[in-house]
PDB file of all heavy atoms in Angstrom:
ATOM      1  N   VAL A   1      -4.455  -5.053  -7.111  1.00  0.00           N
ATOM      2  CA  VAL A   1      -4.230  -4.857  -8.534  1.00  0.00           C
ATOM      3  C   VAL A   1      -4.328  -6.178  -9.270  1.00  0.00           C
ATOM      4  O   VAL A   1      -4.407  -7.243  -8.676  1.00  0.00           O
ATOM      5  CB  VAL A   1      -2.839  -4.225  -8.796  1.00  0.00           C
ATOM      6  CG1 VAL A   1      -2.733  -2.890  -8.101  1.00  0.00           C
ATOM      7  CG2 VAL A   1      -1.732  -5.155  -8.336  1.00  0.00           C
ATOM      8  N   SER A   2      -4.341  -6.120 -10.584  1.00  0.00           N
ATOM      9  CA  SER A   2      -4.492  -7.301 -11.421  1.00  0.00           C
ATOM     10  C   SER A   2      -3.447  -8.347 -11.116  1.00  0.00           C
ATOM     11  O   SER A   2      -2.289  -8.040 -10.837  1.00  0.00           O
ATOM     12  CB  SER A   2      -4.376  -6.906 -12.897  1.00  0.00           C
ATOM     13  OG  SER A   2      -4.201  -8.042 -13.698  1.00  0.00           O
ATOM     14  N   SER A   3      -3.852  -9.611 -11.185  1.00  0.00           N
ATOM     15  CA  SER A   3      -2.921 -10.717 -10.928  1.00  0.00           C
ATOM     16  C   SER A   3      -1.981 -10.968 -12.093  1.00  0.00           C
ATOM     17  O   SER A   3      -1.171 -11.875 -12.055  1.00  0.00           O
ATOM     18  CB  SER A   3      -3.709 -11.997 -10.623  1.00  0.00           C
ATOM     19  OG  SER A   3      -4.449 -12.383 -11.760  1.00  0.00           O
ATOM     20  N   GLN A   4      -2.074 -10.159 -13.147  1.00  0.00           N
ATOM     21  CA  GLN A   4      -1.235 -10.396 -14.321  1.00  0.00           C
ATOM     22  C   GLN A   4       0.104  -9.674 -14.251  1.00  0.00           C
ATOM     23  O   GLN A   4       0.803  -9.530 -15.238  1.00  0.00           O
ATOM     24  CB  GLN A   4      -1.990  -9.949 -15.584  1.00  0.00           C
ATOM     25  CG  GLN A   4      -3.268 -10.748 -15.827  1.00  0.00           C
ATOM     26  CD  GLN A   4      -2.987 -12.240 -15.861  1.00  0.00           C
ATOM     27  OE1 GLN A   4      -2.172 -12.697 -16.642  1.00  0.00           O
ATOM     28  NE2 GLN A   4      -3.681 -12.993 -15.011  1.00  0.00           N
ATOM     29  N   TYR A   5       0.478  -9.201 -13.063  1.00  0.00           N
ATOM     30  CA  TYR A   5       1.763  -8.542 -12.860  1.00  0.00           C
ATOM     31  C   TYR A   5       2.026  -7.473 -13.919  1.00  0.00           C
ATOM     32  O   TYR A   5       2.973  -7.567 -14.695  1.00  0.00           O
ATOM     33  CB  TYR A   5       2.921  -9.543 -12.884  1.00  0.00           C
ATOM     34  CG  TYR A   5       2.978 -10.408 -11.672  1.00  0.00           C
ATOM     35  CD1 TYR A   5       2.582 -11.736 -11.745  1.00  0.00           C
ATOM     36  CD2 TYR A   5       3.418  -9.908 -10.455  1.00  0.00           C
ATOM     37  CE1 TYR A   5       2.635 -12.546 -10.633  1.00  0.00           C
ATOM     38  CE2 TYR A   5       3.467 -10.728  -9.338  1.00  0.00           C
ATOM     39  CZ  TYR A   5       3.082 -12.036  -9.441  1.00  0.00           C
ATOM     40  OH  TYR A   5       3.134 -12.839  -8.337  1.00  0.00           O
ATOM     41  N   PRO A   6       1.194  -6.435 -13.991  1.00  0.00           N
ATOM     42  CA  PRO A   6       1.448  -5.391 -14.988  1.00  0.00           C
ATOM     43  C   PRO A   6       2.767  -4.709 -14.738  1.00  0.00           C
ATOM     44  O   PRO A   6       3.178  -4.507 -13.598  1.00  0.00           O
ATOM     45  CB  PRO A   6       0.278  -4.412 -14.760  1.00  0.00           C
ATOM     46  CG  PRO A   6      -0.114  -4.609 -13.328  1.00  0.00           C
ATOM     47  CD  PRO A   6       0.103  -6.076 -13.057  1.00  0.00           C
ATOM     48  N   ARG A   7       3.455  -4.376 -15.803  1.00  0.00           N
ATOM     49  CA  ARG A   7       4.695  -3.627 -15.681  1.00  0.00           C
ATOM     50  C   ARG A   7       4.388  -2.219 -15.216  1.00  0.00           C
ATOM     51  O   ARG A   7       3.534  -1.537 -15.779  1.00  0.00           O
ATOM     52  CB  ARG A   7       5.415  -3.565 -17.031  1.00  0.00           C
ATOM     53  CG  ARG A   7       5.904  -4.901 -17.519  1.00  0.00           C
ATOM     54  CD  ARG A   7       7.047  -5.434 -16.718  1.00  0.00           C
ATOM     55  NE  ARG A   7       8.242  -4.636 -16.904  1.00  0.00           N
ATOM     56  CZ  ARG A   7       9.366  -4.867 -16.250  1.00  0.00           C
ATOM     57  NH1 ARG A   7       9.446  -5.855 -15.387  1.00  0.00           N
ATOM     58  NH2 ARG A   7      10.423  -4.113 -16.473  1.00  0.00           N
ATOM     59  N   ARG A   8       5.069  -1.767 -14.174  1.00  0.00           N
ATOM     60  CA  ARG A   8       4.825  -0.434 -13.659  1.00  0.00           C
ATOM     61  C   ARG A   8       5.696   0.575 -14.403  1.00  0.00           C
ATOM     62  O   ARG A   8       6.834   0.302 -14.722  1.00  0.00           O
ATOM     63  CB  ARG A   8       5.135  -0.366 -12.157  1.00  0.00           C
ATOM     64  CG  ARG A   8       4.281  -1.321 -11.334  1.00  0.00           C
ATOM     65  CD  ARG A   8       4.509  -1.042  -9.860  1.00  0.00           C
ATOM     66  NE  ARG A   8       3.842  -2.024  -9.030  1.00  0.00           N
ATOM     67  CZ  ARG A   8       2.561  -1.986  -8.712  1.00  0.00           C
ATOM     68  NH1 ARG A   8       1.808  -1.009  -9.171  1.00  0.00           N
ATOM     69  NH2 ARG A   8       2.020  -2.916  -7.953  1.00  0.00           N
ATOM     70  N   ARG A   9       5.140   1.733 -14.660  1.00  0.00           N
ATOM     71  CA  ARG A   9       5.929   2.789 -15.278  1.00  0.00           C
ATOM     72  C   ARG A   9       6.839   3.394 -14.228  1.00  0.00           C
ATOM     73  O   ARG A   9       6.398   3.947 -13.232  1.00  0.00           O
ATOM     74  CB  ARG A   9       5.021   3.858 -15.870  1.00  0.00           C
ATOM     75  CG  ARG A   9       4.194   3.358 -17.044  1.00  0.00           C
ATOM     76  CD  ARG A   9       3.398   4.476 -17.641  1.00  0.00           C
ATOM     77  NE  ARG A   9       4.313   5.489 -18.178  1.00  0.00           N
ATOM     78  CZ  ARG A   9       3.912   6.687 -18.561  1.00  0.00           C
ATOM     79  NH1 ARG A   9       2.648   7.019 -18.479  1.00  0.00           N
ATOM     80  NH2 ARG A   9       4.789   7.546 -19.043  1.00  0.00           N
ATOM     81  N   ARG A  10       8.139   3.302 -14.455  1.00  0.00           N
ATOM     82  CA  ARG A  10       9.105   3.730 -13.449  1.00  0.00           C
ATOM     83  C   ARG A  10       9.414   5.217 -13.543  1.00  0.00           C
ATOM     84  O   ARG A  10      10.293   5.708 -12.867  1.00  0.00           O
ATOM     85  CB  ARG A  10      10.396   2.923 -13.615  1.00  0.00           C
ATOM     86  CG  ARG A  10      10.220   1.435 -13.648  1.00  0.00           C
ATOM     87  CD  ARG A  10       9.703   0.879 -12.364  1.00  0.00           C
ATOM     88  NE  ARG A  10      10.643   1.126 -11.286  1.00  0.00           N
ATOM     89  CZ  ARG A  10      10.380   0.861 -10.024  1.00  0.00           C
ATOM     90  NH1 ARG A  10       9.211   0.407  -9.666  1.00  0.00           N
ATOM     91  NH2 ARG A  10      11.285   1.101  -9.094  1.00  0.00           N
ATOM     92  N   THR A  11       8.694   5.934 -14.394  1.00  0.00           N
ATOM     93  CA  THR A  11       8.967   7.355 -14.557  1.00  0.00           C
ATOM     94  C   THR A  11       8.004   8.218 -13.749  1.00  0.00           C
ATOM     95  O   THR A  11       8.067   9.429 -13.796  1.00  0.00           O
ATOM     96  CB  THR A  11       8.841   7.752 -16.036  1.00  0.00           C
ATOM     97  OG1 THR A  11       7.529   7.397 -16.495  1.00  0.00           O
ATOM     98  CG2 THR A  11       9.877   7.025 -16.869  1.00  0.00           C
ATOM     99  N   THR A  12       7.100   7.588 -13.001  1.00  0.00           N
ATOM    100  CA  THR A  12       6.111   8.363 -12.263  1.00  0.00           C
ATOM    101  C   THR A  12       6.250   8.126 -10.774  1.00  0.00           C
ATOM    102  O   THR A  12       6.776   7.113 -10.324  1.00  0.00           O
ATOM    103  CB  THR A  12       4.689   7.985 -12.698  1.00  0.00           C
ATOM    104  OG1 THR A  12       4.485   6.596 -12.438  1.00  0.00           O
ATOM    105  CG2 THR A  12       4.469   8.253 -14.174  1.00  0.00           C
ATOM    106  N   THR A  13       5.757   9.076  -9.997  1.00  0.00           N
ATOM    107  CA  THR A  13       5.722   8.970  -8.549  1.00  0.00           C
ATOM    108  C   THR A  13       4.278   9.115  -8.110  1.00  0.00           C
ATOM    109  O   THR A  13       3.578  10.001  -8.590  1.00  0.00           O
ATOM    110  CB  THR A  13       6.573  10.070  -7.903  1.00  0.00           C
ATOM    111  OG1 THR A  13       7.926   9.879  -8.269  1.00  0.00           O
ATOM    112  CG2 THR A  13       6.457  10.024  -6.394  1.00  0.00           C
ATOM    113  N   TRP A  14       3.823   8.242  -7.234  1.00  0.00           N
ATOM    114  CA  TRP A  14       2.442   8.327  -6.775  1.00  0.00           C
ATOM    115  C   TRP A  14       2.394   8.113  -5.276  1.00  0.00           C
ATOM    116  O   TRP A  14       3.068   7.258  -4.730  1.00  0.00           O
ATOM    117  CB  TRP A  14       1.573   7.282  -7.446  1.00  0.00           C
ATOM    118  CG  TRP A  14       0.172   7.266  -6.878  1.00  0.00           C
ATOM    119  CD1 TRP A  14      -0.852   8.073  -7.232  1.00  0.00           C
ATOM    120  CD2 TRP A  14      -0.316   6.426  -5.840  1.00  0.00           C
ATOM    121  NE1 TRP A  14      -1.962   7.779  -6.482  1.00  0.00           N
ATOM    122  CE2 TRP A  14      -1.658   6.771  -5.611  1.00  0.00           C
ATOM    123  CE3 TRP A  14       0.256   5.420  -5.059  1.00  0.00           C
ATOM    124  CZ2 TRP A  14      -2.449   6.146  -4.661  1.00  0.00           C
ATOM    125  CZ3 TRP A  14      -0.519   4.794  -4.117  1.00  0.00           C
ATOM    126  CH2 TRP A  14      -1.864   5.160  -3.925  1.00  0.00           C
ATOM    127  N   ALA A  15       1.596   8.914  -4.592  1.00  0.00           N
ATOM    128  CA  ALA A  15       1.313   8.705  -3.177  1.00  0.00           C
ATOM    129  C   ALA A  15       0.122   9.569  -2.815  1.00  0.00           C
ATOM    130  O   ALA A  15       0.032  10.707  -3.263  1.00  0.00           O
ATOM    131  CB  ALA A  15       2.506   9.068  -2.299  1.00  0.00           C
ATOM    132  N   PRO A  16      -0.805   9.053  -2.005  1.00  0.00           N
ATOM    133  CA  PRO A  16      -1.899   9.893  -1.550  1.00  0.00           C
ATOM    134  C   PRO A  16      -1.407  10.859  -0.486  1.00  0.00           C
ATOM    135  O   PRO A  16      -0.319  10.693   0.070  1.00  0.00           O
ATOM    136  CB  PRO A  16      -2.871   8.872  -0.949  1.00  0.00           C
ATOM    137  CG  PRO A  16      -1.984   7.774  -0.448  1.00  0.00           C
ATOM    138  CD  PRO A  16      -0.853   7.707  -1.447  1.00  0.00           C
ATOM    139  N   ALA A  17      -2.186  11.855  -0.191  1.00  0.00           N
ATOM    140  CA  ALA A  17      -1.847  12.752   0.910  1.00  0.00           C
ATOM    141  C   ALA A  17      -1.847  11.961   2.210  1.00  0.00           C
ATOM    142  O   ALA A  17      -2.738  11.157   2.471  1.00  0.00           O
ATOM    143  CB  ALA A  17      -2.855  13.891   0.978  1.00  0.00           C
ATOM    144  N   ALA A  18      -0.822  12.168   3.028  1.00  0.00           N
ATOM    145  CA  ALA A  18      -0.725  11.414   4.274  1.00  0.00           C
ATOM    146  C   ALA A  18      -1.708  11.926   5.313  1.00  0.00           C
ATOM    147  O   ALA A  18      -2.071  11.194   6.237  1.00  0.00           O
ATOM    148  CB  ALA A  18       0.697  11.498   4.812  1.00  0.00           C
ATOM    149  N   ASP A  19      -2.147  13.183   5.197  1.00  0.00           N
ATOM    150  CA  ASP A  19      -3.102  13.723   6.159  1.00  0.00           C
ATOM    151  C   ASP A  19      -4.359  12.865   6.176  1.00  0.00           C
ATOM    152  O   ASP A  19      -4.950  12.560   5.135  1.00  0.00           O
ATOM    153  CB  ASP A  19      -3.476  15.162   5.790  1.00  0.00           C
ATOM    154  CG  ASP A  19      -2.296  16.113   5.942  1.00  0.00           C
ATOM    155  OD1 ASP A  19      -1.360  15.750   6.674  1.00  0.00           O
ATOM    156  OD2 ASP A  19      -2.321  17.186   5.328  1.00  0.00           O
ATOM    157  N   GLY A  20      -4.767  12.449   7.345  1.00  0.00           N
ATOM    158  CA  GLY A  20      -5.942  11.606   7.477  1.00  0.00           C
ATOM    159  C   GLY A  20      -5.643  10.131   7.434  1.00  0.00           C
ATOM    160  O   GLY A  20      -6.531   9.311   7.693  1.00  0.00           O
ATOM    161  N   LEU A  21      -4.419   9.758   7.126  1.00  0.00           N
ATOM    162  CA  LEU A  21      -4.043   8.347   7.106  1.00  0.00           C
ATOM    163  C   LEU A  21      -3.844   7.864   8.535  1.00  0.00           C
ATOM    164  O   LEU A  21      -3.147   8.499   9.332  1.00  0.00           O
ATOM    165  CB  LEU A  21      -2.757   8.160   6.294  1.00  0.00           C
ATOM    166  CG  LEU A  21      -2.478   6.758   5.741  1.00  0.00           C
ATOM    167  CD1 LEU A  21      -3.526   6.374   4.715  1.00  0.00           C
ATOM    168  CD2 LEU A  21      -1.101   6.703   5.125  1.00  0.00           C
ATOM    169  N   ARG A  22      -4.456   6.744   8.860  1.00  0.00           N
ATOM    170  CA  ARG A  22      -4.365   6.197  10.207  1.00  0.00           C
ATOM    171  C   ARG A  22      -3.653   4.848  10.180  1.00  0.00           C
ATOM    172  O   ARG A  22      -3.874   4.040   9.268  1.00  0.00           O
ATOM    173  CB  ARG A  22      -5.755   6.047  10.822  1.00  0.00           C
ATOM    174  CG  ARG A  22      -6.432   7.377  11.104  1.00  0.00           C
ATOM    175  CD  ARG A  22      -7.641   7.177  12.007  1.00  0.00           C
ATOM    176  NE  ARG A  22      -8.718   6.476  11.303  1.00  0.00           N
ATOM    177  CZ  ARG A  22      -9.675   7.107  10.611  1.00  0.00           C
ATOM    178  NH1 ARG A  22      -9.658   8.421  10.504  1.00  0.00           N
ATOM    179  NH2 ARG A  22     -10.624   6.404  10.023  1.00  0.00           N
ATOM    180  N   VAL A  23      -2.838   4.622  11.202  1.00  0.00           N
ATOM    181  CA  VAL A  23      -2.090   3.373  11.332  1.00  0.00           C
ATOM    182  C   VAL A  23      -2.374   2.784  12.701  1.00  0.00           C
ATOM    183  O   VAL A  23      -2.225   3.467  13.721  1.00  0.00           O
ATOM    184  CB  VAL A  23      -0.570   3.611  11.165  1.00  0.00           C
ATOM    185  CG1 VAL A  23       0.200   2.303  11.342  1.00  0.00           C
ATOM    186  CG2 VAL A  23      -0.261   4.238   9.817  1.00  0.00           C
ATOM    187  N   ARG A  24      -2.773   1.514  12.723  1.00  0.00           N
ATOM    188  CA  ARG A  24      -3.015   0.854  13.998  1.00  0.00           C
ATOM    189  C   ARG A  24      -2.329  -0.501  14.006  1.00  0.00           C
ATOM    190  O   ARG A  24      -2.555  -1.326  13.111  1.00  0.00           O
ATOM    191  CB  ARG A  24      -4.514   0.654  14.253  1.00  0.00           C
ATOM    192  CG  ARG A  24      -4.777  -0.010  15.615  1.00  0.00           C
ATOM    193  CD  ARG A  24      -6.185  -0.516  15.754  1.00  0.00           C
ATOM    194  NE  ARG A  24      -6.368  -1.219  17.021  1.00  0.00           N
ATOM    195  CZ  ARG A  24      -7.390  -2.026  17.306  1.00  0.00           C
ATOM    196  NH1 ARG A  24      -8.328  -2.226  16.381  1.00  0.00           N
ATOM    197  NH2 ARG A  24      -7.482  -2.637  18.468  1.00  0.00           N
ATOM    198  N   SER A  25      -1.466  -0.736  15.004  1.00  0.00           N
ATOM    199  CA  SER A  25      -0.827  -2.040  15.199  1.00  0.00           C
ATOM    200  C   SER A  25      -1.369  -2.655  16.476  1.00  0.00           C
ATOM    201  O   SER A  25      -1.389  -2.012  17.533  1.00  0.00           O
ATOM    202  CB  SER A  25       0.697  -1.902  15.307  1.00  0.00           C
ATOM    203  OG  SER A  25       1.265  -1.474  14.104  1.00  0.00           O
ATOM    204  N   ARG A  26      -1.820  -3.900  16.384  1.00  0.00           N
ATOM    205  CA  ARG A  26      -2.367  -4.593  17.544  1.00  0.00           C
ATOM    206  C   ARG A  26      -1.878  -6.036  17.551  1.00  0.00           C
ATOM    207  O   ARG A  26      -1.595  -6.603  16.494  1.00  0.00           O
ATOM    208  CB  ARG A  26      -3.891  -4.549  17.536  1.00  0.00           C
ATOM    209  CG  ARG A  26      -4.528  -5.318  16.404  1.00  0.00           C
ATOM    210  CD  ARG A  26      -6.046  -5.143  16.388  1.00  0.00           C
ATOM    211  NE  ARG A  26      -6.709  -6.042  15.457  1.00  0.00           N
ATOM    212  CZ  ARG A  26      -6.848  -5.830  14.162  1.00  0.00           C
ATOM    213  NH1 ARG A  26      -6.359  -4.720  13.625  1.00  0.00           N
ATOM    214  NH2 ARG A  26      -7.488  -6.710  13.397  1.00  0.00           N
ATOM    215  N   VAL A  27      -1.778  -6.629  18.736  1.00  0.00           N
ATOM    216  CA  VAL A  27      -1.351  -8.019  18.861  1.00  0.00           C
ATOM    217  C   VAL A  27      -2.389  -8.924  18.222  1.00  0.00           C
ATOM    218  O   VAL A  27      -3.604  -8.696  18.347  1.00  0.00           O
ATOM    219  CB  VAL A  27      -1.149  -8.386  20.342  1.00  0.00           C
ATOM    220  CG1 VAL A  27      -0.847  -9.878  20.497  1.00  0.00           C
ATOM    221  CG2 VAL A  27      -0.010  -7.567  20.935  1.00  0.00           C
ATOM    222  N   ALA A  28      -1.910  -9.946  17.511  1.00  0.00           N
ATOM    223  CA  ALA A  28      -2.796 -10.875  16.811  1.00  0.00           C
ATOM    224  C   ALA A  28      -2.656 -12.269  17.387  1.00  0.00           C
ATOM    225  O   ALA A  28      -1.564 -12.685  17.809  1.00  0.00           O
ATOM    226  CB  ALA A  28      -2.458 -10.893  15.327  1.00  0.00           C
ATOM    227  N   ASP A  29      -3.738 -12.998  17.389  1.00  0.00           N
ATOM    228  CA  ASP A  29      -3.751 -14.351  17.921  1.00  0.00           C
ATOM    229  C   ASP A  29      -3.623 -15.347  16.777  1.00  0.00           C
ATOM    230  O   ASP A  29      -4.599 -15.959  16.331  1.00  0.00           O
ATOM    231  CB  ASP A  29      -5.052 -14.587  18.692  1.00  0.00           C
ATOM    232  CG  ASP A  29      -5.077 -15.972  19.354  1.00  0.00           C
ATOM    233  OD1 ASP A  29      -3.989 -16.567  19.493  1.00  0.00           O
ATOM    234  OD2 ASP A  29      -6.168 -16.438  19.716  1.00  0.00           O
ATOM    235  N   THR A  30      -2.406 -15.488  16.263  1.00  0.00           N
ATOM    236  CA  THR A  30      -2.152 -16.462  15.213  1.00  0.00           C
ATOM    237  C   THR A  30      -0.714 -16.950  15.305  1.00  0.00           C
ATOM    238  O   THR A  30       0.186 -16.180  15.667  1.00  0.00           O
ATOM    239  CB  THR A  30      -2.404 -15.879  13.804  1.00  0.00           C
ATOM    240  OG1 THR A  30      -2.101 -16.882  12.822  1.00  0.00           O
ATOM    241  CG2 THR A  30      -1.534 -14.667  13.548  1.00  0.00           C
ATOM    242  N   THR A  31      -0.520 -18.215  15.031  1.00  0.00           N
ATOM    243  CA  THR A  31       0.827 -18.792  14.980  1.00  0.00           C
ATOM    244  C   THR A  31       1.173 -19.236  13.567  1.00  0.00           C
ATOM    245  O   THR A  31       2.171 -19.916  13.359  1.00  0.00           O
ATOM    246  CB  THR A  31       0.938 -19.990  15.938  1.00  0.00           C
ATOM    247  OG1 THR A  31      -0.039 -20.975  15.567  1.00  0.00           O
ATOM    248  CG2 THR A  31       0.717 -19.561  17.389  1.00  0.00           C
TER     249      THR A  31
END
């Protein structure tokens, strides 16, 4: 989103459908 920190409207709820959402956690090579 924009770097201007837009004020979010706190009266709404938003979320995409979770069906089809994939989550993958893997070990990373970084310190």
